[in-house]
Amino acid sequence: MKRTKLPIEELFPRLMRAASYKTKNDTEAADLVSETVLAALRAEAAGTQIENPEAYLFRTMDNLFHSSLRLKYGFSIISIDD
């Protein structure tokens, strides 16, 4: 099975633009992109097969951003089963 190299350098400008749009703050955007890249590299090192690196990076960034909002504003995740 062929491993797909993560195109981090190629996608970095787009990731920064998207993060800047989401956070409205350059420092927070840079932190978000760093966390995104780190999470993707960790997943790759753990053997996760990333078939569409671009989608994976942007989805990871969205998930990290929404998680940070939940922490910032104290929203909790409620299970339907409760």
C-alpha atoms as a PDB file:
ATOM      1  CA  MET A   1       0.000   0.000   0.000  1.00  0.00           C
ATOM      2  CA  LYS A   2       1.479   3.335  -1.050  1.00  0.00           C
ATOM      3  CA  ARG A   3       1.712   6.042   1.602  1.00  0.00           C
ATOM      4  CA  THR A   4       0.576   9.493   0.607  1.00  0.00           C
ATOM      5  CA  LYS A   5       2.975  12.248   1.602  1.00  0.00           C
ATOM      6  CA  LEU A   6       1.194  15.070   3.395  1.00  0.00           C
ATOM      7  CA  PRO A   7       1.430  18.197   1.185  1.00  0.00           C
ATOM      8  CA  ILE A   8       1.913  20.534   4.149  1.00  0.00           C
ATOM      9  CA  GLU A   9       4.099  23.103   2.388  1.00  0.00           C
ATOM     10  CA  GLU A  10       1.744  23.228  -0.585  1.00  0.00           C
ATOM     11  CA  LEU A  11      -1.398  23.629   1.553  1.00  0.00           C
ATOM     12  CA  PHE A  12       0.088  25.891   4.231  1.00  0.00           C
ATOM     13  CA  PRO A  13      -1.082  29.204   2.693  1.00  0.00           C
ATOM     14  CA  ARG A  14      -4.650  27.891   2.292  1.00  0.00           C
ATOM     15  CA  LEU A  15      -4.657  26.466   5.807  1.00  0.00           C
ATOM     16  CA  MET A  16      -3.501  29.831   7.170  1.00  0.00           C
ATOM     17  CA  ARG A  17      -6.193  31.721   5.238  1.00  0.00           C
ATOM     18  CA  ALA A  18      -8.907  29.384   6.466  1.00  0.00           C
ATOM     19  CA  ALA A  19      -7.631  29.530  10.053  1.00  0.00           C
ATOM     20  CA  SER A  20      -7.402  33.338   9.927  1.00  0.00           C
ATOM     21  CA  TYR A  21     -10.981  33.508   8.678  1.00  0.00           C
ATOM     22  CA  LYS A  22     -12.167  31.219  11.481  1.00  0.00           C
ATOM     23  CA  THR A  23     -10.247  32.776  14.365  1.00  0.00           C
ATOM     24  CA  LYS A  24     -10.076  36.425  13.215  1.00  0.00           C
ATOM     25  CA  ASN A  25      -6.648  36.528  14.892  1.00  0.00           C
ATOM     26  CA  ASP A  26      -3.277  35.843  13.259  1.00  0.00           C
ATOM     27  CA  THR A  27      -1.655  34.382  16.372  1.00  0.00           C
ATOM     28  CA  GLU A  28      -4.568  32.025  17.042  1.00  0.00           C
ATOM     29  CA  ALA A  29      -4.621  31.090  13.348  1.00  0.00           C
ATOM     30  CA  ALA A  30      -0.934  30.154  13.420  1.00  0.00           C
ATOM     31  CA  ASP A  31      -1.525  28.066  16.561  1.00  0.00           C
ATOM     32  CA  LEU A  32      -4.496  26.328  14.933  1.00  0.00           C
ATOM     33  CA  VAL A  33      -2.498  25.464  11.813  1.00  0.00           C
ATOM     34  CA  SER A  34       0.402  24.198  13.935  1.00  0.00           C
ATOM     35  CA  GLU A  35      -1.930  21.988  15.960  1.00  0.00           C
ATOM     36  CA  THR A  36      -3.527  20.729  12.739  1.00  0.00           C
ATOM     37  CA  VAL A  37      -0.218  19.794  11.147  1.00  0.00           C
ATOM     38  CA  LEU A  38       0.992  18.173  14.360  1.00  0.00           C
ATOM     39  CA  ALA A  39      -2.195  16.088  14.652  1.00  0.00           C
ATOM     40  CA  ALA A  40      -1.897  14.955  11.028  1.00  0.00           C
ATOM     41  CA  LEU A  41       1.774  14.026  11.435  1.00  0.00           C
ATOM     42  CA  ARG A  42       0.970  12.082  14.608  1.00  0.00           C
ATOM     43  CA  ALA A  43      -1.829  10.215  12.836  1.00  0.00           C
ATOM     44  CA  GLU A  44       0.460   9.412   9.924  1.00  0.00           C
ATOM     45  CA  ALA A  45       3.204   8.204  12.279  1.00  0.00           C
ATOM     46  CA  ALA A  46       0.658   5.989  14.040  1.00  0.00           C
ATOM     47  CA  GLY A  47      -0.101   4.301  10.740  1.00  0.00           C
ATOM     48  CA  THR A  48      -3.355   6.042   9.798  1.00  0.00           C
ATOM     49  CA  GLN A  49      -3.952   5.715   6.059  1.00  0.00           C
ATOM     50  CA  ILE A  50      -4.691   9.236   4.793  1.00  0.00           C
ATOM     51  CA  GLU A  51      -6.162   8.861   1.319  1.00  0.00           C
ATOM     52  CA  ASN A  52      -7.083  12.518   0.762  1.00  0.00           C
ATOM     53  CA  PRO A  53      -4.514  14.639   2.652  1.00  0.00           C
ATOM     54  CA  GLU A  54      -6.122  17.967   1.756  1.00  0.00           C
ATOM     55  CA  ALA A  55      -9.536  16.952   3.081  1.00  0.00           C
ATOM     56  CA  TYR A  56      -7.929  15.328   6.124  1.00  0.00           C
ATOM     57  CA  LEU A  57      -6.016  18.497   7.048  1.00  0.00           C
ATOM     58  CA  PHE A  58      -9.009  20.800   6.611  1.00  0.00           C
ATOM     59  CA  ARG A  59     -11.356  18.458   8.526  1.00  0.00           C
ATOM     60  CA  THR A  60      -8.799  18.113  11.315  1.00  0.00           C
ATOM     61  CA  MET A  61      -8.516  21.902  11.490  1.00  0.00           C
ATOM     62  CA  ASP A  62     -12.312  22.275  11.671  1.00  0.00           C
ATOM     63  CA  ASN A  63     -12.514  19.681  14.444  1.00  0.00           C
ATOM     64  CA  LEU A  64      -9.729  21.334  16.446  1.00  0.00           C
ATOM     65  CA  PHE A  65     -11.323  24.767  16.014  1.00  0.00           C
ATOM     66  CA  HIS A  66     -14.740  23.569  17.167  1.00  0.00           C
ATOM     67  CA  SER A  67     -13.181  21.763  20.126  1.00  0.00           C
ATOM     68  CA  SER A  68     -11.429  24.970  21.145  1.00  0.00           C
ATOM     69  CA  LEU A  69     -14.730  26.867  20.979  1.00  0.00           C
ATOM     70  CA  ARG A  70     -16.389  24.273  23.208  1.00  0.00           C
ATOM     71  CA  LEU A  71     -13.601  24.700  25.757  1.00  0.00           C
ATOM     72  CA  LYS A  72     -13.593  28.494  25.481  1.00  0.00           C
ATOM     73  CA  TYR A  73     -17.329  28.930  25.961  1.00  0.00           C
ATOM     74  CA  GLY A  74     -17.968  25.949  28.200  1.00  0.00           C
ATOM     75  CA  PHE A  75     -20.232  24.027  25.856  1.00  0.00           C
ATOM     76  CA  SER A  76     -20.473  20.392  26.723  1.00  0.00           C
ATOM     77  CA  ILE A  77     -21.124  17.433  24.492  1.00  0.00           C
ATOM     78  CA  ILE A  78     -24.404  15.825  25.439  1.00  0.00           C
ATOM     79  CA  SER A  79     -25.051  12.211  24.594  1.00  0.00           C
ATOM     80  CA  ILE A  80     -28.487  11.326  23.226  1.00  0.00           C
ATOM     81  CA  ASP A  81     -28.388   8.159  25.337  1.00  0.00           C
ATOM     82  CA  ASP A  82     -28.321  10.135  28.627  1.00  0.00           C
END
